[in-house]
N, C-alpha and C. Protein backbone atom coordinates (compact mmCIF):
# COMPACT_ATOMS: atom_id res chain seq x y z
N UNK A 1 95.03 63.46 103.48
CA UNK A 1 93.87 63.84 102.68
C UNK A 1 93.42 62.64 101.83
N UNK A 2 92.13 62.54 101.67
CA UNK A 2 91.56 61.51 100.81
C UNK A 2 92.01 61.78 99.37
N UNK A 3 92.39 60.72 98.67
CA UNK A 3 92.85 60.88 97.29
C UNK A 3 91.77 61.51 96.41
N UNK A 4 90.51 61.33 96.82
CA UNK A 4 89.43 61.86 96.00
C UNK A 4 89.23 63.36 96.20
N UNK A 5 89.91 63.90 97.21
CA UNK A 5 89.77 65.31 97.48
C UNK A 5 91.03 66.06 97.02
N UNK A 6 90.85 67.29 96.69
CA UNK A 6 91.97 68.13 96.30
C UNK A 6 92.15 69.24 97.32
N UNK A 7 93.35 69.37 97.84
CA UNK A 7 93.63 70.42 98.82
C UNK A 7 94.20 71.64 98.09
N UNK A 8 93.70 72.80 98.46
CA UNK A 8 94.16 74.05 97.83
C UNK A 8 94.68 74.96 98.91
N UNK A 9 95.91 75.39 98.76
CA UNK A 9 96.51 76.33 99.70
C UNK A 9 96.83 77.60 98.93
N UNK A 10 96.30 78.71 99.39
CA UNK A 10 96.51 79.98 98.70
C UNK A 10 97.24 80.95 99.63
N UNK A 11 98.31 81.56 99.13
CA UNK A 11 99.06 82.52 99.93
C UNK A 11 98.27 83.82 100.05
N UNK A 12 98.50 84.54 101.13
CA UNK A 12 97.81 85.81 101.33
C UNK A 12 98.21 86.82 100.28
N UNK A 13 99.50 86.79 99.89
CA UNK A 13 100.02 87.67 98.85
C UNK A 13 100.70 86.81 97.79
N UNK A 14 100.81 87.36 96.59
CA UNK A 14 101.55 86.66 95.56
C UNK A 14 103.00 86.51 95.98
N UNK A 15 103.55 85.33 95.79
CA UNK A 15 104.94 85.08 96.16
C UNK A 15 105.63 84.34 95.03
N UNK A 16 106.93 84.38 95.07
CA UNK A 16 107.73 83.64 94.10
C UNK A 16 108.66 82.71 94.86
N UNK A 17 108.98 81.60 94.26
CA UNK A 17 109.92 80.67 94.89
C UNK A 17 110.60 79.87 93.80
N UNK A 18 111.75 79.37 94.15
CA UNK A 18 112.47 78.50 93.23
C UNK A 18 112.27 77.03 93.60
N UNK A 19 112.26 76.78 94.91
CA UNK A 19 112.01 75.43 95.40
C UNK A 19 110.93 75.49 96.47
N UNK A 20 110.21 74.39 96.63
CA UNK A 20 109.18 74.31 97.66
C UNK A 20 109.25 72.93 98.32
N UNK A 21 109.09 72.92 99.62
CA UNK A 21 109.08 71.66 100.36
C UNK A 21 107.66 71.41 100.86
N UNK A 22 107.12 70.27 100.54
CA UNK A 22 105.76 69.92 100.92
C UNK A 22 105.82 68.86 102.02
N UNK A 23 105.17 69.13 103.15
CA UNK A 23 105.15 68.21 104.28
C UNK A 23 103.79 67.52 104.36
N UNK A 24 103.81 66.26 104.71
CA UNK A 24 102.58 65.51 104.94
C UNK A 24 102.77 64.53 106.09
N UNK A 25 101.68 64.09 106.64
CA UNK A 25 101.78 63.13 107.75
C UNK A 25 102.29 61.80 107.22
N UNK A 26 102.88 60.95 108.09
CA UNK A 26 103.39 59.65 107.65
C UNK A 26 102.32 58.81 106.97
N UNK A 27 101.07 58.99 107.41
CA UNK A 27 99.99 58.19 106.84
C UNK A 27 99.43 58.80 105.56
N UNK A 28 99.94 59.93 105.20
CA UNK A 28 99.41 60.62 104.03
C UNK A 28 99.75 59.86 102.75
N UNK A 29 98.83 59.86 101.85
CA UNK A 29 99.05 59.21 100.55
C UNK A 29 99.40 60.23 99.48
N UNK A 30 99.87 61.41 99.93
CA UNK A 30 100.17 62.49 99.00
C UNK A 30 101.30 62.10 98.06
N UNK A 31 101.05 62.26 96.81
CA UNK A 31 102.05 62.00 95.79
C UNK A 31 102.71 63.33 95.43
N UNK A 32 104.02 63.49 95.69
CA UNK A 32 104.69 64.77 95.39
C UNK A 32 104.49 65.23 93.95
N UNK A 33 104.35 64.27 93.05
CA UNK A 33 104.19 64.64 91.64
C UNK A 33 102.80 65.18 91.35
N UNK A 34 101.90 65.08 92.33
CA UNK A 34 100.55 65.59 92.12
C UNK A 34 100.40 67.04 92.55
N UNK A 35 101.47 67.63 93.11
CA UNK A 35 101.43 69.01 93.57
C UNK A 35 101.68 69.95 92.40
N UNK A 36 100.81 70.92 92.24
CA UNK A 36 100.92 71.87 91.14
C UNK A 36 100.91 73.29 91.67
N UNK A 37 101.51 74.18 90.91
CA UNK A 37 101.54 75.60 91.27
C UNK A 37 100.94 76.39 90.11
N UNK A 38 100.08 77.32 90.44
CA UNK A 38 99.47 78.16 89.42
C UNK A 38 100.33 79.40 89.19
N UNK A 39 100.83 79.55 88.00
CA UNK A 39 101.68 80.70 87.67
C UNK A 39 100.81 81.92 87.40
N UNK A 40 101.22 83.05 87.97
CA UNK A 40 100.52 84.31 87.76
C UNK A 40 101.50 85.29 87.13
N UNK A 41 101.14 85.86 86.02
CA UNK A 41 102.03 86.80 85.36
C UNK A 41 101.22 87.74 84.49
N UNK A 42 101.83 88.85 84.17
CA UNK A 42 101.15 89.86 83.35
C UNK A 42 101.25 89.47 81.87
N UNK A 43 100.14 89.47 81.15
CA UNK A 43 100.20 89.16 79.72
C UNK A 43 100.86 90.31 78.96
N UNK A 44 102.00 90.05 78.41
CA UNK A 44 102.73 91.07 77.65
C UNK A 44 103.24 90.45 76.36
N UNK A 45 103.60 91.31 75.44
CA UNK A 45 104.19 90.88 74.18
C UNK A 45 105.66 91.25 74.16
N UNK A 46 106.50 90.29 73.84
CA UNK A 46 107.93 90.58 73.73
C UNK A 46 108.16 91.36 72.44
N UNK A 47 108.27 92.67 72.58
CA UNK A 47 108.43 93.54 71.41
C UNK A 47 109.91 93.75 71.06
N UNK A 48 110.78 93.47 72.00
CA UNK A 48 112.21 93.59 71.75
C UNK A 48 112.85 92.22 71.69
N UNK A 49 114.03 92.15 71.15
CA UNK A 49 114.77 90.89 71.08
C UNK A 49 116.26 91.18 71.07
N UNK A 50 117.02 90.15 71.31
CA UNK A 50 118.48 90.30 71.31
C UNK A 50 119.08 89.09 70.63
N UNK A 51 119.98 89.32 69.71
CA UNK A 51 120.64 88.23 69.00
C UNK A 51 122.15 88.40 69.04
N UNK A 52 122.82 87.31 69.33
CA UNK A 52 124.28 87.31 69.33
C UNK A 52 124.73 85.94 68.82
N UNK A 53 124.76 85.76 67.51
CA UNK A 53 125.10 84.45 66.94
C UNK A 53 126.45 83.90 67.42
N UNK A 54 127.35 84.78 67.77
CA UNK A 54 128.67 84.33 68.19
C UNK A 54 128.69 83.81 69.62
N UNK A 55 127.66 84.13 70.40
CA UNK A 55 127.65 83.73 71.81
C UNK A 55 126.21 83.50 72.26
N UNK A 56 125.78 82.26 72.25
CA UNK A 56 124.41 81.94 72.65
C UNK A 56 124.17 82.21 74.13
N UNK A 57 125.24 82.22 74.92
CA UNK A 57 125.09 82.51 76.35
C UNK A 57 124.53 83.91 76.55
N UNK A 58 125.00 84.87 75.76
CA UNK A 58 124.51 86.23 75.86
C UNK A 58 123.02 86.30 75.55
N UNK A 59 122.59 85.51 74.58
CA UNK A 59 121.17 85.49 74.24
C UNK A 59 120.34 84.93 75.39
N UNK A 60 120.84 83.87 76.04
CA UNK A 60 120.12 83.29 77.18
C UNK A 60 120.06 84.28 78.33
N UNK A 61 121.13 85.02 78.54
CA UNK A 61 121.14 86.04 79.60
C UNK A 61 120.06 87.08 79.34
N UNK A 62 119.95 87.51 78.09
CA UNK A 62 118.91 88.51 77.76
C UNK A 62 117.52 87.95 78.02
N UNK A 63 117.26 86.74 77.56
CA UNK A 63 115.93 86.14 77.73
C UNK A 63 115.60 85.95 79.21
N UNK A 64 116.57 85.49 80.00
CA UNK A 64 116.33 85.32 81.43
C UNK A 64 116.06 86.68 82.09
N UNK A 65 116.77 87.70 81.65
CA UNK A 65 116.59 89.04 82.23
C UNK A 65 115.20 89.57 81.89
N UNK A 66 114.80 89.41 80.64
CA UNK A 66 113.47 89.89 80.23
C UNK A 66 112.38 89.14 80.98
N UNK A 67 112.56 87.84 81.15
CA UNK A 67 111.56 87.04 81.86
C UNK A 67 111.50 87.46 83.33
N UNK A 68 112.65 87.72 83.92
CA UNK A 68 112.68 88.18 85.31
C UNK A 68 111.95 89.51 85.44
N UNK A 69 112.17 90.42 84.49
CA UNK A 69 111.45 91.69 84.50
C UNK A 69 109.95 91.45 84.43
N UNK A 70 109.55 90.52 83.60
CA UNK A 70 108.12 90.23 83.46
C UNK A 70 107.53 89.74 84.78
N UNK A 71 108.29 88.98 85.54
CA UNK A 71 107.80 88.48 86.82
C UNK A 71 107.52 89.60 87.82
N UNK A 72 108.15 90.75 87.63
CA UNK A 72 107.93 91.87 88.55
C UNK A 72 106.71 92.71 88.18
N UNK A 73 106.13 92.45 87.01
CA UNK A 73 104.98 93.23 86.54
C UNK A 73 103.71 92.54 87.04
N UNK A 74 103.32 92.85 88.26
CA UNK A 74 102.20 92.16 88.88
C UNK A 74 101.15 93.15 89.37
N UNK A 75 99.90 92.78 89.22
CA UNK A 75 98.78 93.57 89.72
C UNK A 75 98.82 95.01 89.22
N UNK A 76 99.35 95.19 88.01
CA UNK A 76 99.36 96.51 87.40
C UNK A 76 100.52 97.40 87.80
N UNK A 77 101.47 96.87 88.57
CA UNK A 77 102.59 97.68 89.05
C UNK A 77 103.90 96.94 88.83
N UNK A 78 104.99 97.71 88.91
CA UNK A 78 106.32 97.11 88.93
C UNK A 78 106.68 96.88 90.39
N UNK A 79 106.70 95.63 90.80
CA UNK A 79 106.95 95.29 92.20
C UNK A 79 108.33 94.66 92.32
N UNK A 80 109.14 95.24 93.17
CA UNK A 80 110.48 94.70 93.39
C UNK A 80 110.43 93.63 94.47
N UNK A 81 111.36 92.70 94.39
CA UNK A 81 111.49 91.70 95.45
C UNK A 81 110.27 90.81 95.57
N UNK A 82 109.88 90.16 94.46
CA UNK A 82 108.70 89.31 94.51
C UNK A 82 108.88 88.18 95.53
N UNK A 83 110.12 87.87 95.88
CA UNK A 83 110.37 86.87 96.92
C UNK A 83 110.49 87.49 98.30
N UNK A 84 110.40 88.85 98.35
CA UNK A 84 110.61 89.51 99.64
C UNK A 84 109.45 90.47 99.94
N UNK A 85 109.67 91.77 99.72
CA UNK A 85 108.69 92.76 100.19
C UNK A 85 107.53 92.99 99.23
N UNK A 86 107.72 92.72 97.93
CA UNK A 86 106.64 92.88 96.95
C UNK A 86 106.06 94.29 96.96
N UNK A 87 106.94 95.28 96.92
CA UNK A 87 106.52 96.67 96.95
C UNK A 87 107.14 97.42 95.77
N UNK A 88 106.52 98.53 95.35
CA UNK A 88 107.14 99.36 94.32
C UNK A 88 108.23 100.24 94.92
N UNK A 89 109.42 100.19 94.36
CA UNK A 89 110.55 101.02 94.81
C UNK A 89 111.05 101.85 93.64
N UNK A 90 111.27 103.12 93.89
CA UNK A 90 111.58 104.05 92.82
C UNK A 90 112.89 103.70 92.12
N UNK A 91 113.90 103.31 92.87
CA UNK A 91 115.18 102.98 92.25
C UNK A 91 115.06 101.83 91.26
N UNK A 92 114.28 100.84 91.64
CA UNK A 92 114.08 99.69 90.76
C UNK A 92 113.17 100.04 89.58
N UNK A 93 112.21 100.93 89.82
CA UNK A 93 111.32 101.32 88.74
C UNK A 93 112.07 102.00 87.62
N UNK A 94 113.03 102.85 87.95
CA UNK A 94 113.79 103.54 86.90
C UNK A 94 114.48 102.54 85.99
N UNK A 95 115.11 101.53 86.57
CA UNK A 95 115.78 100.50 85.76
C UNK A 95 114.76 99.70 84.96
N UNK A 96 113.63 99.36 85.62
CA UNK A 96 112.59 98.60 84.94
C UNK A 96 111.98 99.40 83.79
N UNK A 97 111.86 100.71 83.98
CA UNK A 97 111.31 101.57 82.93
C UNK A 97 112.13 101.45 81.65
N UNK A 98 113.45 101.54 81.79
CA UNK A 98 114.32 101.48 80.63
C UNK A 98 114.28 100.10 79.98
N UNK A 99 114.36 99.04 80.80
CA UNK A 99 114.35 97.69 80.26
C UNK A 99 113.00 97.36 79.63
N UNK A 100 111.92 97.81 80.26
CA UNK A 100 110.58 97.56 79.75
C UNK A 100 110.35 98.26 78.41
N UNK A 101 110.90 99.45 78.27
CA UNK A 101 110.70 100.20 77.02
C UNK A 101 111.22 99.42 75.82
N UNK A 102 112.32 98.69 76.01
CA UNK A 102 112.91 97.93 74.90
C UNK A 102 112.42 96.49 74.83
N UNK A 103 111.91 95.96 75.94
CA UNK A 103 111.49 94.56 75.96
C UNK A 103 110.02 94.38 75.65
N UNK A 104 109.15 95.15 76.36
CA UNK A 104 107.71 94.96 76.22
C UNK A 104 106.96 96.21 75.76
N UNK A 105 107.55 97.37 75.97
CA UNK A 105 106.88 98.64 75.64
C UNK A 105 105.52 98.72 76.32
N UNK A 106 105.45 98.26 77.55
CA UNK A 106 104.20 98.27 78.32
C UNK A 106 104.17 99.55 79.15
N UNK A 107 103.53 100.57 78.62
CA UNK A 107 103.58 101.87 79.29
C UNK A 107 102.64 101.95 80.48
N UNK A 108 101.54 101.20 80.45
CA UNK A 108 100.55 101.30 81.53
C UNK A 108 101.14 100.95 82.89
N UNK A 109 101.91 99.88 82.93
CA UNK A 109 102.44 99.43 84.22
C UNK A 109 103.43 100.45 84.78
N UNK A 110 104.15 101.15 83.91
CA UNK A 110 105.07 102.20 84.37
C UNK A 110 104.28 103.41 84.86
N UNK A 111 103.26 103.80 84.10
CA UNK A 111 102.45 104.96 84.48
C UNK A 111 101.76 104.73 85.82
N UNK A 112 101.20 103.55 86.02
CA UNK A 112 100.50 103.27 87.27
C UNK A 112 101.45 103.30 88.46
N UNK A 113 102.66 102.78 88.28
CA UNK A 113 103.62 102.74 89.39
C UNK A 113 104.13 104.14 89.70
N UNK A 114 104.42 104.93 88.68
CA UNK A 114 104.82 106.32 88.90
C UNK A 114 103.74 107.08 89.65
N UNK A 115 102.50 106.85 89.25
CA UNK A 115 101.39 107.54 89.90
C UNK A 115 101.27 107.14 91.36
N UNK A 116 101.38 105.85 91.63
CA UNK A 116 101.25 105.35 93.00
C UNK A 116 102.37 105.90 93.89
N UNK A 117 103.59 105.91 93.38
CA UNK A 117 104.72 106.37 94.19
C UNK A 117 104.67 107.87 94.46
N UNK A 118 104.11 108.63 93.54
CA UNK A 118 104.10 110.08 93.71
C UNK A 118 102.79 110.65 94.22
N UNK A 119 101.83 109.78 94.48
CA UNK A 119 100.49 110.26 94.83
C UNK A 119 100.48 111.11 96.08
N UNK A 120 101.27 110.76 97.07
CA UNK A 120 101.23 111.47 98.36
C UNK A 120 102.04 112.76 98.35
N UNK A 121 102.84 113.00 97.30
CA UNK A 121 103.70 114.18 97.31
C UNK A 121 104.83 114.00 98.32
N UNK A 122 105.54 115.08 98.61
CA UNK A 122 106.66 114.97 99.55
C UNK A 122 106.55 115.98 100.69
N UNK A 123 105.33 116.44 100.95
CA UNK A 123 105.15 117.42 102.03
C UNK A 123 105.59 116.88 103.37
N UNK A 124 105.34 115.60 103.60
CA UNK A 124 105.70 114.99 104.89
C UNK A 124 106.81 113.97 104.77
N UNK A 125 106.98 113.38 103.60
CA UNK A 125 108.00 112.35 103.43
C UNK A 125 108.38 112.22 101.97
N UNK A 126 109.66 111.89 101.72
CA UNK A 126 110.13 111.70 100.36
C UNK A 126 109.55 110.42 99.76
N UNK A 127 109.66 110.28 98.46
CA UNK A 127 109.23 109.07 97.78
C UNK A 127 109.99 107.88 98.36
N UNK A 128 109.27 106.87 98.83
CA UNK A 128 109.87 105.72 99.50
C UNK A 128 110.69 106.12 100.73
N UNK A 129 110.56 107.38 101.15
CA UNK A 129 111.27 107.83 102.34
C UNK A 129 112.68 108.32 102.10
N UNK A 130 113.09 108.46 100.85
CA UNK A 130 114.48 108.84 100.55
C UNK A 130 114.54 110.03 99.58
N UNK A 131 115.44 110.95 99.87
CA UNK A 131 115.63 112.12 99.01
C UNK A 131 116.01 111.72 97.60
N UNK A 132 116.99 110.81 97.46
CA UNK A 132 117.43 110.44 96.12
C UNK A 132 116.32 109.74 95.33
N UNK A 133 115.39 109.07 96.01
CA UNK A 133 114.29 108.43 95.30
C UNK A 133 113.28 109.47 94.82
N UNK A 134 113.14 110.57 95.55
CA UNK A 134 112.31 111.67 95.07
C UNK A 134 112.90 112.23 93.77
N UNK A 135 114.22 112.38 93.74
CA UNK A 135 114.89 112.87 92.53
C UNK A 135 114.73 111.88 91.39
N UNK A 136 114.84 110.59 91.69
CA UNK A 136 114.66 109.57 90.65
C UNK A 136 113.23 109.56 90.12
N UNK A 137 112.28 109.91 90.98
CA UNK A 137 110.89 109.98 90.53
C UNK A 137 110.73 111.09 89.48
N UNK A 138 111.36 112.23 89.72
CA UNK A 138 111.31 113.33 88.76
C UNK A 138 112.00 112.93 87.46
N UNK A 139 113.18 112.33 87.58
CA UNK A 139 113.93 111.89 86.41
C UNK A 139 113.14 110.87 85.60
N UNK A 140 112.47 109.96 86.31
CA UNK A 140 111.71 108.92 85.63
C UNK A 140 110.50 109.48 84.90
N UNK A 141 109.95 110.58 85.40
CA UNK A 141 108.85 111.23 84.67
C UNK A 141 109.34 111.67 83.29
N UNK A 142 110.55 112.21 83.26
CA UNK A 142 111.13 112.65 81.99
C UNK A 142 111.42 111.45 81.08
N UNK A 143 111.99 110.39 81.64
CA UNK A 143 112.30 109.21 80.84
C UNK A 143 111.03 108.55 80.31
N UNK A 144 109.99 108.56 81.12
CA UNK A 144 108.73 107.97 80.68
C UNK A 144 108.19 108.69 79.45
N UNK A 145 108.27 110.01 79.45
CA UNK A 145 107.83 110.77 78.28
C UNK A 145 108.74 110.54 77.08
N UNK A 146 110.04 110.39 77.35
CA UNK A 146 111.00 110.17 76.27
C UNK A 146 110.69 108.87 75.52
N UNK A 147 110.36 107.82 76.27
CA UNK A 147 110.17 106.51 75.65
C UNK A 147 108.72 106.22 75.26
N UNK A 148 107.75 106.85 75.94
CA UNK A 148 106.35 106.50 75.69
C UNK A 148 105.50 107.66 75.19
N UNK A 149 105.98 108.89 75.31
CA UNK A 149 105.28 110.06 74.77
C UNK A 149 103.80 110.06 75.17
N UNK A 150 103.57 109.97 76.47
CA UNK A 150 102.20 109.89 77.00
C UNK A 150 101.78 111.28 77.48
N UNK A 151 101.33 112.11 76.56
CA UNK A 151 100.99 113.49 76.90
C UNK A 151 99.80 113.60 77.85
N UNK A 152 98.74 112.79 77.69
CA UNK A 152 97.64 112.86 78.67
C UNK A 152 98.10 112.59 80.09
N UNK A 153 99.00 111.64 80.25
CA UNK A 153 99.55 111.35 81.57
C UNK A 153 100.32 112.55 82.10
N UNK A 154 101.11 113.18 81.25
CA UNK A 154 101.89 114.34 81.67
C UNK A 154 100.99 115.49 82.10
N UNK A 155 99.92 115.73 81.35
CA UNK A 155 99.00 116.80 81.72
C UNK A 155 98.33 116.52 83.06
N UNK A 156 98.01 115.27 83.30
CA UNK A 156 97.36 114.91 84.56
C UNK A 156 98.32 115.00 85.74
N UNK A 157 99.57 114.59 85.52
CA UNK A 157 100.54 114.53 86.62
C UNK A 157 101.36 115.80 86.79
N UNK A 158 101.28 116.72 85.82
CA UNK A 158 102.14 117.91 85.87
C UNK A 158 101.98 118.71 87.15
N UNK A 159 100.77 118.96 87.65
CA UNK A 159 100.66 119.71 88.92
C UNK A 159 101.41 119.03 90.06
N UNK A 160 101.38 117.71 90.09
CA UNK A 160 102.08 116.99 91.16
C UNK A 160 103.60 117.07 90.97
N UNK A 161 104.04 116.94 89.72
CA UNK A 161 105.48 117.05 89.44
C UNK A 161 105.98 118.45 89.80
N UNK A 162 105.23 119.45 89.40
CA UNK A 162 105.60 120.84 89.68
C UNK A 162 105.64 121.10 91.18
N UNK A 163 104.70 120.52 91.91
CA UNK A 163 104.66 120.71 93.37
C UNK A 163 105.87 120.08 94.04
N UNK A 164 106.28 118.90 93.58
CA UNK A 164 107.45 118.23 94.17
C UNK A 164 108.72 119.05 93.92
N UNK A 165 108.90 119.49 92.68
CA UNK A 165 110.08 120.31 92.36
C UNK A 165 110.05 121.61 93.15
N UNK A 166 108.88 122.23 93.25
CA UNK A 166 108.76 123.48 94.01
C UNK A 166 109.09 123.29 95.48
N UNK A 167 108.65 122.17 96.04
CA UNK A 167 108.95 121.89 97.44
C UNK A 167 110.45 121.74 97.66
N UNK A 168 111.12 121.05 96.75
CA UNK A 168 112.57 120.88 96.87
C UNK A 168 113.28 122.23 96.78
N UNK A 169 112.84 123.07 95.86
CA UNK A 169 113.48 124.38 95.71
C UNK A 169 113.25 125.25 96.94
N UNK A 170 112.02 125.30 97.41
CA UNK A 170 111.69 126.16 98.55
C UNK A 170 112.32 125.68 99.86
N UNK A 171 112.42 124.38 100.01
CA UNK A 171 112.85 123.83 101.28
C UNK A 171 114.34 123.52 101.34
N UNK A 172 114.92 123.23 100.20
CA UNK A 172 116.27 122.68 100.25
C UNK A 172 117.29 123.34 99.34
N UNK A 173 116.87 124.24 98.47
CA UNK A 173 117.79 124.79 97.47
C UNK A 173 118.33 126.14 97.93
N UNK A 174 119.67 126.30 97.89
CA UNK A 174 120.26 127.58 98.29
C UNK A 174 120.47 128.47 97.07
N UNK A 175 121.11 129.63 97.28
CA UNK A 175 121.29 130.60 96.20
C UNK A 175 122.17 130.08 95.07
N UNK A 176 123.00 129.09 95.35
CA UNK A 176 123.89 128.55 94.32
C UNK A 176 123.19 127.49 93.46
N UNK A 177 122.01 127.07 93.89
CA UNK A 177 121.30 126.04 93.15
C UNK A 177 121.51 124.64 93.69
N UNK A 178 122.39 124.51 94.69
CA UNK A 178 122.63 123.19 95.28
C UNK A 178 121.53 122.85 96.28
N UNK A 179 121.33 121.56 96.49
CA UNK A 179 120.39 121.12 97.51
C UNK A 179 121.06 121.15 98.87
N UNK A 180 120.41 121.73 99.84
CA UNK A 180 120.89 121.69 101.22
C UNK A 180 120.25 120.46 101.88
N UNK A 181 121.07 119.51 102.24
CA UNK A 181 120.57 118.22 102.73
C UNK A 181 120.48 118.24 104.25
N UNK A 182 119.28 118.02 104.74
CA UNK A 182 119.03 117.92 106.18
C UNK A 182 119.17 116.45 106.57
N UNK A 183 120.14 116.15 107.42
CA UNK A 183 120.42 114.75 107.77
C UNK A 183 119.24 114.07 108.45
N UNK A 184 118.43 114.83 109.16
CA UNK A 184 117.29 114.25 109.85
C UNK A 184 116.11 114.01 108.91
N UNK A 185 115.93 114.90 107.97
CA UNK A 185 114.76 114.83 107.09
C UNK A 185 115.06 114.12 105.78
N UNK A 186 116.24 114.35 105.23
CA UNK A 186 116.56 113.89 103.88
C UNK A 186 117.44 112.64 103.92
N UNK A 187 116.83 111.51 104.16
CA UNK A 187 117.58 110.27 104.14
C UNK A 187 118.01 109.95 102.71
N UNK A 188 119.17 109.34 102.59
CA UNK A 188 119.72 108.99 101.27
C UNK A 188 119.90 107.49 101.20
N UNK A 189 119.40 106.89 100.13
CA UNK A 189 119.46 105.43 100.01
C UNK A 189 120.77 104.95 99.40
N UNK A 190 121.42 105.76 98.59
CA UNK A 190 122.61 105.33 97.86
C UNK A 190 123.48 104.41 98.71
N UNK A 191 123.55 103.14 98.30
CA UNK A 191 124.28 102.17 99.11
C UNK A 191 125.57 101.70 98.44
N UNK A 192 125.93 102.33 97.33
CA UNK A 192 127.16 101.95 96.66
C UNK A 192 128.27 102.97 96.90
N UNK A 193 128.03 103.90 97.81
CA UNK A 193 129.04 104.89 98.20
C UNK A 193 129.09 104.96 99.72
N UNK A 194 130.26 104.80 100.29
CA UNK A 194 130.40 104.86 101.74
C UNK A 194 130.76 106.26 102.23
N UNK A 195 131.54 106.98 101.43
CA UNK A 195 132.00 108.30 101.84
C UNK A 195 130.84 109.30 101.79
N UNK A 196 130.65 110.04 102.88
CA UNK A 196 129.53 110.98 102.97
C UNK A 196 129.61 112.06 101.90
N UNK A 197 130.80 112.62 101.69
CA UNK A 197 130.95 113.69 100.70
C UNK A 197 130.60 113.18 99.31
N UNK A 198 131.05 111.97 98.98
CA UNK A 198 130.76 111.41 97.67
C UNK A 198 129.27 111.13 97.52
N UNK A 199 128.62 110.72 98.59
CA UNK A 199 127.17 110.48 98.54
C UNK A 199 126.44 111.78 98.25
N UNK A 200 126.84 112.86 98.92
CA UNK A 200 126.21 114.15 98.69
C UNK A 200 126.47 114.65 97.28
N UNK A 201 127.68 114.36 96.76
CA UNK A 201 128.00 114.76 95.39
C UNK A 201 127.09 114.04 94.40
N UNK A 202 126.87 112.76 94.62
CA UNK A 202 126.00 111.98 93.74
C UNK A 202 124.58 112.53 93.77
N UNK A 203 124.11 112.94 94.95
CA UNK A 203 122.77 113.51 95.06
C UNK A 203 122.67 114.82 94.30
N UNK A 204 123.71 115.65 94.36
CA UNK A 204 123.69 116.92 93.63
C UNK A 204 123.64 116.68 92.12
N UNK A 205 124.33 115.64 91.65
CA UNK A 205 124.28 115.30 90.23
C UNK A 205 122.87 114.86 89.84
N UNK A 206 122.24 114.08 90.70
CA UNK A 206 120.86 113.66 90.45
C UNK A 206 119.92 114.86 90.45
N UNK A 207 120.16 115.81 91.35
CA UNK A 207 119.36 117.03 91.41
C UNK A 207 119.51 117.83 90.12
N UNK A 208 120.73 117.92 89.63
CA UNK A 208 120.97 118.63 88.37
C UNK A 208 120.22 117.94 87.23
N UNK A 209 120.25 116.61 87.21
CA UNK A 209 119.52 115.87 86.16
C UNK A 209 118.02 116.06 86.28
N UNK A 210 117.53 116.09 87.51
CA UNK A 210 116.09 116.27 87.72
C UNK A 210 115.64 117.66 87.28
């Protein structure tokens, strides 16, 4: 490229990277130090803080964690895996909801992601395709109200929440109150338990919480 010209390469989707390798032809006069990257992030205010005078490492861990959380707040949603799939996932949203409440108190990004994940209901498929994520969606609705007290959001979303709970009761709940899990329909994401019985037990606990 002519030094007088500036080349701009734009990714189709927002991506994150730690290192980048730039290739040029042998005749290229490209100066590696002239390559710049435009940072994209959600404008937020750090409303929470963490102090540990006895251990500065703990403070750095908190700041790095909060900054990492901020990097996932893109385009109005909580997106997991900014280096990979860049999609909203219910399991990650629940953790982000709690961390966000204490770090940024940014309720809009949580509300928008909850709405997007639950918009289709579960008549044909669970949230993100998993039974336990449907349960986490219900639980997160409660946590969202606990930390943000967004009554207008609750009034708007209540019919959808009620429909999801009703579908679970009508389709999967027996006389004892336990969920009857259909192996073909009710996929379970829980990846920290190998034993089938223990996985089902964990789902029942989540159902009780929901």
